[in-house]
Amino acid sequence: MLLLLVPFAAPLARAPRKRTKIPPTTKSAEAPLALRHATTTLDGNCSIWVLEVADQGWWRASTAAENPYGAKLWPGALAAAARLRAVAAGRDVLELGCGNGFAALVAAASGARRVLATDVSPRALDLTRRAAAEQRLAVDVAAFDARGPEPLPAGFDLLVARAGKELVAADVLYDAPLALAVADRVVEARARGMDVVVGGSPDREGRDAFVAALSAKLPGAAFEPAYDVGHEDLKWKRKRVEVLHLLEGGGVSSG
């Protein structure tokens, strides 16, 4: 957290000076973080931007417990969004761990009837809300913890989760406990007859636990072959991503 503190002015020579008293009710204001637009173009005609925190000092000072991961774009979001371009039209889309909202924004831009982006991070939800409003995309946001006891929000037919670095802010398979929670949510969604799209990276720590748990409960569920993505504007190196797409009626997409 960055705080904007207003120090007293330094004395001139050794002349006496009168200090300005700060009323007891005055509080230090939180300095606004520097943000940048991260723009991605999909299939040549869908250009969507998200807000990222550009303040490197904030990134260095943040800890995992403070959940900074939803403040930037991750490769798993590109994998999920690319699939949503083909399947979101006319659907009611629920996203778990939306981070700064790229997949949800793409779903809205691709003709989804309704989009709800959920996360446990207030900052992630704020970044998503602001990006949606400025681009005039119909995306609602809500706090939701996939690890908690509450059921998935009702009234949706397509569940999106991004399997990668973390559940709580951007992706969903950071470690085994979180991965198992997400697997349970996928099973819950399938029991409701929902399609499921999970986009992520094959080298994430919780990925194997997720696959094992899901396969035990939904035989045949598997990620499609991995492929490379990159982002020249953000100076990404090319990274491996993969997609799991479960269809209504129990089928598995072949890509």
Protein backbone atom coordinates (compact mmCIF):
# COMPACT_ATOMS: atom_id res chain seq x y z
CA MET A 1 0.00 0.00 0.00
CA LEU A 2 1.30 3.44 -0.89
CA LEU A 3 0.44 6.33 1.42
CA LEU A 4 0.60 10.01 0.53
CA LEU A 5 2.10 11.74 3.55
CA VAL A 6 2.46 15.52 3.79
CA PRO A 7 5.60 16.36 5.82
CA PHE A 8 6.27 19.70 7.41
CA ALA A 9 8.47 22.08 5.40
CA ALA A 10 12.17 22.17 6.32
CA PRO A 11 13.20 25.18 8.48
CA LEU A 12 14.94 28.14 6.82
CA ALA A 13 18.27 28.87 8.53
CA ARG A 14 17.49 28.67 12.23
CA ALA A 15 14.60 31.15 12.25
CA PRO A 16 11.65 30.15 14.40
CA ARG A 17 8.77 28.81 12.47
CA LYS A 18 5.18 28.13 13.22
CA ARG A 19 4.07 24.56 12.75
CA THR A 20 0.70 23.91 11.22
CA LYS A 21 -1.32 21.69 13.48
CA ILE A 22 -3.11 18.80 11.83
CA PRO A 23 -6.58 18.25 13.29
CA PRO A 24 -6.92 14.90 15.09
CA THR A 25 -9.57 13.77 12.58
CA THR A 26 -7.29 14.25 9.54
CA LYS A 27 -6.14 10.97 7.92
CA SER A 28 -3.43 10.30 5.36
CA ALA A 29 -4.92 9.67 1.90
CA GLU A 30 -4.00 6.56 -0.05
CA ALA A 31 -2.00 7.57 -3.12
CA PRO A 32 -3.66 6.47 -6.37
CA LEU A 33 -1.74 3.74 -8.16
CA ALA A 34 -0.32 4.37 -11.62
CA LEU A 35 -2.31 2.32 -14.13
CA ARG A 36 -1.73 1.44 -17.76
CA HIS A 37 -3.87 0.05 -20.55
CA ALA A 38 -2.92 -3.41 -21.81
CA THR A 39 -4.56 -3.91 -25.20
CA THR A 40 -5.04 -7.27 -26.91
CA THR A 41 -6.51 -7.93 -30.36
CA LEU A 42 -8.16 -11.30 -30.97
CA ASP A 43 -8.89 -12.77 -34.42
CA GLY A 44 -8.08 -9.47 -36.08
CA ASN A 45 -11.22 -7.55 -35.13
CA CYS A 46 -11.80 -7.75 -31.37
CA SER A 47 -9.59 -5.28 -29.51
CA ILE A 48 -10.03 -5.20 -25.74
CA TRP A 49 -7.96 -3.49 -23.07
CA VAL A 50 -7.61 -4.11 -19.36
CA LEU A 51 -6.11 -1.97 -16.61
CA GLU A 52 -2.82 -3.06 -15.06
CA VAL A 53 -0.98 -1.55 -12.12
CA ALA A 54 2.14 0.02 -13.62
CA ASP A 55 3.78 1.03 -10.34
CA GLN A 56 6.76 -1.30 -9.96
CA GLY A 57 7.28 -0.21 -6.37
CA TRP A 58 3.81 -1.44 -5.52
CA TRP A 59 4.53 -4.80 -7.13
CA ARG A 60 7.80 -5.18 -5.20
CA ALA A 61 6.14 -4.25 -1.92
CA SER A 62 3.11 -6.52 -2.37
CA THR A 63 2.95 -9.99 -0.86
CA ALA A 64 0.99 -13.05 -1.92
CA ALA A 65 -1.27 -12.54 1.08
CA GLU A 66 -2.18 -9.09 -0.28
CA ASN A 67 -3.25 -10.75 -3.52
CA PRO A 68 -1.72 -8.47 -6.18
CA TYR A 69 -2.13 -10.93 -9.05
CA GLY A 70 -5.45 -9.61 -10.29
CA ALA A 71 -3.77 -6.33 -11.23
CA LYS A 72 -2.20 -7.62 -14.44
CA LEU A 73 -2.98 -9.66 -17.54
CA TRP A 74 -1.93 -13.33 -17.51
CA PRO A 75 -1.49 -15.79 -20.42
CA GLY A 76 -4.27 -18.04 -19.16
CA ALA A 77 -6.69 -15.20 -19.80
CA LEU A 78 -5.79 -15.21 -23.49
CA ALA A 79 -6.48 -18.94 -23.74
CA ALA A 80 -9.91 -18.62 -22.13
CA ALA A 81 -10.79 -15.49 -24.10
CA ALA A 82 -9.86 -17.03 -27.44
CA ARG A 83 -12.36 -19.84 -26.82
CA LEU A 84 -15.02 -17.42 -25.61
CA ARG A 85 -14.88 -15.59 -28.93
CA ALA A 86 -16.41 -18.71 -30.47
CA VAL A 87 -18.89 -19.77 -27.80
CA ALA A 88 -20.04 -16.77 -25.72
CA ALA A 89 -22.68 -15.30 -28.05
CA GLY A 90 -26.14 -15.48 -26.50
CA ARG A 91 -24.85 -17.15 -23.33
CA ASP A 92 -25.06 -16.21 -19.64
CA VAL A 93 -21.40 -16.26 -18.62
CA LEU A 94 -20.01 -16.61 -15.08
CA GLU A 95 -16.29 -16.15 -14.53
CA LEU A 96 -14.38 -17.35 -11.46
CA GLY A 97 -11.21 -15.48 -10.47
CA CYS A 98 -11.66 -12.74 -13.06
CA GLY A 99 -8.55 -10.75 -12.14
CA ASN A 100 -8.59 -7.56 -14.17
CA GLY A 101 -11.39 -8.95 -16.30
CA PHE A 102 -10.02 -9.75 -19.74
CA ALA A 103 -12.00 -12.96 -20.32
CA ALA A 104 -15.21 -11.39 -19.02
CA LEU A 105 -14.73 -8.32 -21.23
CA VAL A 106 -14.14 -10.51 -24.28
CA ALA A 107 -17.27 -12.51 -23.50
CA ALA A 108 -19.31 -9.30 -23.40
CA ALA A 109 -17.74 -8.05 -26.63
CA SER A 110 -18.51 -11.41 -28.27
CA GLY A 111 -22.26 -11.14 -27.75
CA ALA A 112 -22.86 -12.77 -24.38
CA ARG A 113 -26.35 -12.08 -23.07
CA ARG A 114 -25.08 -11.55 -19.52
CA VAL A 115 -21.63 -11.61 -17.89
CA LEU A 116 -20.81 -11.78 -14.19
CA ALA A 117 -17.11 -11.51 -13.26
CA THR A 118 -16.28 -12.71 -9.75
CA ASP A 119 -13.19 -12.50 -7.58
CA VAL A 120 -12.26 -12.15 -3.90
CA SER A 121 -9.99 -9.16 -4.61
CA PRO A 122 -11.65 -5.72 -4.33
CA ARG A 123 -8.89 -4.24 -6.50
CA ALA A 124 -9.45 -6.82 -9.24
CA LEU A 125 -13.18 -6.15 -9.22
CA ASP A 126 -12.58 -2.40 -9.38
CA LEU A 127 -10.21 -2.73 -12.36
CA THR A 128 -12.73 -4.94 -14.16
CA ARG A 129 -15.62 -2.58 -13.43
CA ARG A 130 -13.68 0.46 -14.67
CA ALA A 131 -12.50 -1.21 -17.87
CA ALA A 132 -16.01 -2.43 -18.67
CA ALA A 133 -17.56 0.99 -18.06
CA GLU A 134 -15.01 2.87 -20.16
CA GLN A 135 -15.41 0.41 -23.06
CA ARG A 136 -19.19 0.34 -22.68
CA LEU A 137 -19.28 -3.40 -22.16
CA ALA A 138 -22.03 -4.96 -20.06
CA VAL A 139 -20.09 -6.77 -17.31
CA ASP A 140 -21.31 -7.05 -13.73
CA VAL A 141 -18.88 -7.79 -10.90
CA ALA A 142 -19.35 -9.49 -7.54
CA ALA A 143 -17.21 -10.77 -4.69
CA PHE A 144 -17.12 -14.58 -4.62
CA ASP A 145 -14.63 -17.04 -3.17
CA ALA A 146 -14.55 -20.36 -5.02
CA ARG A 147 -13.10 -21.93 -1.87
CA GLY A 148 -16.02 -20.84 0.30
CA PRO A 149 -19.26 -22.65 1.20
CA GLU A 150 -21.59 -20.57 -0.96
CA PRO A 151 -22.93 -22.22 -4.13
CA LEU A 152 -22.11 -20.79 -7.54
CA PRO A 153 -24.32 -17.84 -8.51
CA ALA A 154 -27.45 -19.11 -10.21
CA GLY A 155 -28.83 -18.39 -13.66
CA PHE A 156 -25.75 -19.00 -15.83
CA ASP A 157 -25.04 -21.61 -18.51
CA LEU A 158 -21.31 -21.09 -19.15
CA LEU A 159 -18.62 -21.15 -16.46
CA VAL A 160 -15.20 -19.65 -17.19
CA ALA A 161 -12.12 -20.16 -15.05
CA ARG A 162 -8.52 -19.43 -15.86
CA ALA A 163 -6.22 -22.18 -14.70
CA GLY A 164 -2.85 -20.71 -13.98
CA LYS A 165 -1.19 -18.74 -11.24
CA GLU A 166 -3.85 -18.11 -8.65
CA LEU A 167 -7.50 -18.56 -7.79
CA VAL A 168 -8.11 -15.44 -5.76
CA ALA A 169 -7.15 -12.74 -8.30
CA ALA A 170 -6.35 -13.88 -11.82
CA ASP A 171 -6.12 -17.59 -12.57
CA VAL A 172 -7.20 -20.66 -10.63
CA LEU A 173 -4.62 -23.44 -10.15
CA TYR A 174 -1.89 -21.88 -8.05
CA ASP A 175 -1.52 -24.80 -5.66
CA ALA A 176 -3.17 -28.13 -4.93
CA PRO A 177 -5.73 -26.95 -2.32
CA LEU A 178 -7.02 -24.22 -4.62
CA ALA A 179 -6.97 -26.54 -7.61
CA LEU A 180 -9.12 -29.07 -5.76
CA ALA A 181 -11.61 -26.34 -4.85
CA VAL A 182 -11.85 -25.31 -8.49
CA ALA A 183 -12.35 -28.93 -9.56
CA ASP A 184 -15.30 -29.11 -7.17
CA ARG A 185 -16.74 -25.94 -8.72
CA VAL A 186 -16.42 -27.42 -12.20
CA VAL A 187 -18.30 -30.52 -11.03
CA GLU A 188 -20.95 -28.27 -9.47
CA ALA A 189 -21.33 -26.38 -12.74
CA ARG A 190 -21.64 -29.58 -14.75
CA ALA A 191 -24.32 -30.87 -12.38
CA ARG A 192 -26.32 -27.77 -13.37
CA GLY A 193 -25.83 -28.55 -17.05
CA MET A 194 -23.40 -25.67 -17.63
CA ASP A 195 -20.66 -25.57 -20.24
CA VAL A 196 -17.22 -25.02 -18.70
CA VAL A 197 -14.16 -23.31 -20.18
CA VAL A 198 -10.87 -23.44 -18.27
CA GLY A 199 -7.82 -21.75 -19.77
CA GLY A 200 -4.39 -22.05 -18.23
CA SER A 201 -0.77 -23.17 -18.38
CA PRO A 202 0.45 -26.78 -18.24
CA ASP A 203 3.31 -25.98 -15.85
CA ARG A 204 1.29 -24.51 -12.98
CA GLU A 205 1.74 -26.11 -9.56
CA GLY A 206 -1.86 -27.14 -8.99
CA ARG A 207 -2.61 -28.27 -12.53
CA ASP A 208 -1.98 -32.01 -12.04
CA ALA A 209 -4.06 -32.11 -8.85
CA PHE A 210 -6.88 -30.38 -10.71
CA VAL A 211 -6.77 -32.86 -13.59
CA ALA A 212 -6.64 -35.88 -11.27
CA ALA A 213 -9.57 -34.67 -9.15
CA LEU A 214 -11.64 -33.74 -12.17
CA SER A 215 -10.96 -37.00 -14.01
CA ALA A 216 -12.09 -38.98 -10.97
CA LYS A 217 -15.43 -37.17 -10.93
CA LEU A 218 -15.88 -36.46 -14.64
CA PRO A 219 -14.27 -39.28 -16.65
CA GLY A 220 -12.92 -38.08 -19.97
CA ALA A 221 -12.37 -34.48 -18.88
CA ALA A 222 -8.97 -33.37 -20.16
CA PHE A 223 -7.14 -30.35 -21.45
CA GLU A 224 -6.70 -29.97 -25.17
CA PRO A 225 -3.12 -29.94 -26.55
CA ALA A 226 -1.13 -26.93 -25.36
CA TYR A 227 -0.07 -24.16 -27.71
CA ASP A 228 2.03 -20.98 -27.56
CA VAL A 229 0.82 -17.42 -26.94
CA GLY A 230 2.74 -14.17 -26.78
CA HIS A 231 2.11 -10.46 -26.40
CA GLU A 232 4.59 -8.14 -28.10
CA ASP A 233 3.07 -4.96 -26.70
CA LEU A 234 3.56 -6.25 -23.14
CA LYS A 235 6.98 -7.71 -24.02
CA TRP A 236 5.90 -11.24 -23.13
CA LYS A 237 7.98 -14.19 -24.18
CA ARG A 238 5.90 -16.88 -25.81
CA LYS A 239 4.27 -19.13 -23.22
CA ARG A 240 2.44 -22.44 -23.30
CA VAL A 241 -1.29 -22.39 -22.58
CA GLU A 242 -4.10 -24.93 -22.77
CA VAL A 243 -7.89 -25.09 -22.69
CA LEU A 244 -10.36 -27.47 -21.09
CA HIS A 245 -13.84 -27.13 -22.62
CA LEU A 246 -16.69 -29.25 -21.29
CA LEU A 247 -19.93 -29.10 -23.24
CA GLU A 248 -23.56 -29.48 -22.29
CA GLY A 249 -24.62 -33.11 -22.28
CA GLY A 250 -21.25 -34.31 -20.97
CA GLY A 251 -19.16 -33.87 -24.10
CA VAL A 252 -15.60 -32.58 -24.30
CA SER A 253 -14.63 -30.15 -27.03
CA SER A 254 -11.87 -31.24 -29.35
CA GLY A 255 -10.91 -27.62 -30.04
